[in-house]
Amino acid sequence: MNVEMTESHRQHAMECNNLAWALSESTYRTPLQDNEMLDAAHASAYHWARIGTDLNRARARMLLGHVHAALGMAATALVYARESFEYLAAHNAPDWEIAFAHAVLAHAAFAAGEVDLHRRHFASANELGRAIADPEDREIFFKTFNVIPAP
């Protein structure tokens, strides 16, 4: 793949990623915005799959887990959230990222009706989120965490 194509994939992946996360943090979305959020998350994952690292793909899976959970797609939300969580937990993720991994797994568990899994990961996400060292990263985390239903 040439440099221009790689850069194009990278730009599209980032734009779609940012759009999907922004829509996922909204407290109210129209059905059209739900579709846009889902399409953007899948588009981001596609582009990262073409040119990204394993970490990029794990982050894309995290976004897919979160979006699928937000839309009530429980089975796929759990698959994506678990894949992302397992990768990040095994690769010494930074504080903000492991907090996000717990939060998204909690969200997927909520969507699936897995009460114990939801409760455990929600509590871990909350604790780890409050301990995020960088104030900006902490603020970003809580924008997402605050849309996840509490136990």
Protein backbone atom coordinates (compact mmCIF):
# COMPACT_ATOMS: atom_id res chain seq x y z
CA MET A 1 0.00 0.00 0.00
CA ASN A 2 1.40 3.40 -0.92
CA VAL A 3 1.91 6.29 1.50
CA GLU A 4 -1.06 8.28 0.20
CA MET A 5 -3.44 5.35 0.63
CA THR A 6 -2.12 4.65 4.13
CA GLU A 7 -2.58 8.29 5.12
CA SER A 8 -6.08 8.31 3.65
CA HIS A 9 -7.04 5.26 5.73
CA ARG A 10 -5.54 6.87 8.84
CA GLN A 11 -7.46 10.12 8.34
CA HIS A 12 -10.75 8.33 7.70
CA ALA A 13 -10.21 6.05 10.70
CA MET A 14 -9.62 9.00 13.02
CA GLU A 15 -12.52 11.07 11.66
CA CYS A 16 -14.96 8.19 11.94
CA ASN A 17 -13.65 7.30 15.40
CA ASN A 18 -14.10 10.85 16.66
CA LEU A 19 -17.58 11.12 15.18
CA ALA A 20 -18.76 7.84 16.70
CA TRP A 21 -17.40 8.71 20.16
CA ALA A 22 -18.98 12.18 20.03
CA LEU A 23 -22.36 10.73 19.08
CA SER A 24 -22.07 8.04 21.76
CA GLU A 25 -21.70 10.71 24.45
CA SER A 26 -24.95 12.40 23.48
CA THR A 27 -27.78 11.96 25.95
CA TYR A 28 -30.27 12.12 23.09
CA ARG A 29 -29.77 10.82 19.56
CA THR A 30 -32.23 10.55 16.73
CA PRO A 31 -32.58 7.22 14.90
CA LEU A 32 -30.59 8.80 12.06
CA GLN A 33 -27.79 9.69 14.48
CA ASP A 34 -27.85 6.15 15.88
CA ASN A 35 -27.29 4.83 12.35
CA GLU A 36 -24.55 7.39 11.74
CA MET A 37 -22.84 6.41 15.02
CA LEU A 38 -22.95 2.70 14.12
CA ASP A 39 -21.72 3.30 10.57
CA ALA A 40 -18.90 5.57 11.79
CA ALA A 41 -17.75 3.01 14.37
CA HIS A 42 -17.65 0.25 11.76
CA ALA A 43 -15.95 2.49 9.22
CA SER A 44 -13.29 3.41 11.74
CA ALA A 45 -12.71 -0.27 12.54
CA TYR A 46 -12.43 -1.05 8.83
CA HIS A 47 -9.82 1.63 8.20
CA TRP A 48 -7.79 0.66 11.30
CA ALA A 49 -7.91 -2.96 10.15
CA ARG A 50 -6.29 -1.92 6.88
CA ILE A 51 -3.38 0.11 8.28
CA GLY A 52 -3.43 0.08 12.08
CA THR A 53 -1.56 -1.73 14.78
CA ASP A 54 -3.01 -4.33 17.12
CA LEU A 55 -3.56 -1.49 19.59
CA ASN A 56 -5.53 0.52 17.00
CA ARG A 57 -7.66 -2.53 16.30
CA ALA A 58 -8.27 -3.11 20.04
CA ARG A 59 -9.35 0.51 20.41
CA ALA A 60 -11.67 0.13 17.43
CA ARG A 61 -13.17 -2.97 19.08
CA MET A 62 -13.70 -0.93 22.25
CA LEU A 63 -15.63 1.68 20.29
CA LEU A 64 -17.68 -1.03 18.58
CA GLY A 65 -18.50 -2.55 21.96
CA HIS A 66 -19.61 0.79 23.32
CA VAL A 67 -21.72 1.69 20.29
CA HIS A 68 -23.33 -1.73 20.05
CA ALA A 69 -24.16 -1.56 23.78
CA ALA A 70 -25.66 1.92 23.37
CA LEU A 71 -27.90 0.55 20.62
CA GLY A 72 -28.95 -2.54 22.58
CA MET A 73 -26.99 -4.97 20.40
CA ALA A 74 -25.97 -7.01 23.41
CA ALA A 75 -24.35 -10.08 21.86
CA THR A 76 -21.99 -8.20 19.58
CA ALA A 77 -21.34 -5.55 22.23
CA LEU A 78 -20.04 -8.23 24.60
CA VAL A 79 -17.85 -9.82 21.94
CA TYR A 80 -16.23 -6.53 20.97
CA ALA A 81 -15.88 -5.28 24.56
CA ARG A 82 -14.30 -8.54 25.74
CA GLU A 83 -11.85 -8.65 22.84
CA SER A 84 -10.74 -5.10 23.53
CA PHE A 85 -10.58 -5.59 27.29
CA GLU A 86 -8.50 -8.76 27.01
CA TYR A 87 -6.01 -7.12 24.65
CA LEU A 88 -5.63 -3.96 26.75
CA ALA A 89 -5.40 -5.85 30.05
CA ALA A 90 -2.63 -8.03 28.61
CA HIS A 91 -0.63 -5.12 27.17
CA ASN A 92 -0.07 -2.74 30.08
CA ALA A 93 -2.52 -0.08 28.93
CA PRO A 94 -2.26 3.44 30.36
CA ASP A 95 -4.58 4.43 33.21
CA TRP A 96 -7.20 6.12 31.02
CA GLU A 97 -7.38 3.25 28.57
CA ILE A 98 -7.86 0.49 31.11
CA ALA A 99 -10.58 2.61 32.77
CA PHE A 100 -12.29 2.89 29.37
CA ALA A 101 -11.96 -0.87 28.81
CA HIS A 102 -13.73 -1.55 32.11
CA ALA A 103 -16.41 1.05 31.33
CA VAL A 104 -17.18 -0.38 27.89
CA LEU A 105 -17.30 -3.92 29.23
CA ALA A 106 -19.70 -2.69 31.94
CA HIS A 107 -21.84 -1.06 29.25
CA ALA A 108 -21.91 -4.24 27.16
CA ALA A 109 -22.75 -6.31 30.24
CA PHE A 110 -25.61 -3.94 31.06
CA ALA A 111 -26.97 -4.30 27.52
CA ALA A 112 -26.75 -8.09 27.85
CA GLY A 113 -28.41 -8.17 31.25
CA GLU A 114 -25.31 -9.64 32.90
CA VAL A 115 -25.81 -7.98 36.28
CA ASP A 116 -22.71 -9.25 38.12
CA LEU A 117 -20.37 -8.49 35.21
CA HIS A 118 -21.93 -5.05 34.86
CA ARG A 119 -21.59 -4.28 38.57
CA ARG A 120 -17.95 -5.43 38.79
CA HIS A 121 -16.71 -3.57 35.73
CA PHE A 122 -18.76 -0.46 36.46
CA ALA A 123 -17.18 -0.23 39.94
CA SER A 124 -13.69 -0.81 38.52
CA ALA A 125 -14.23 1.78 35.79
CA ASN A 126 -15.44 4.34 38.32
CA GLU A 127 -12.49 3.74 40.64
CA LEU A 128 -9.91 3.71 37.85
CA GLY A 129 -11.53 6.71 36.16
CA ARG A 130 -11.23 8.81 39.32
CA ALA A 131 -7.55 7.83 39.52
CA ILE A 132 -6.66 8.91 35.96
CA ALA A 133 -3.63 11.14 36.43
CA ASP A 134 -4.15 13.60 33.59
CA PRO A 135 -7.15 15.91 34.22
CA GLU A 136 -7.96 16.16 30.51
CA ASP A 137 -7.94 12.36 30.09
CA ARG A 138 -10.12 12.07 33.22
CA GLU A 139 -12.62 14.57 31.80
CA ILE A 140 -12.78 12.71 28.48
CA PHE A 141 -13.30 9.43 30.32
CA PHE A 142 -16.19 10.75 32.37
CA LYS A 143 -17.97 12.11 29.28
CA THR A 144 -18.31 8.50 28.18
CA PHE A 145 -18.68 6.92 31.62
CA ASN A 146 -21.57 9.21 32.51
CA VAL A 147 -23.73 7.77 29.71
CA ILE A 148 -23.29 4.20 30.98
CA PRO A 149 -26.17 3.12 33.22
CA ALA A 150 -25.17 2.55 36.84
CA PRO A 151 -25.99 -0.75 38.59
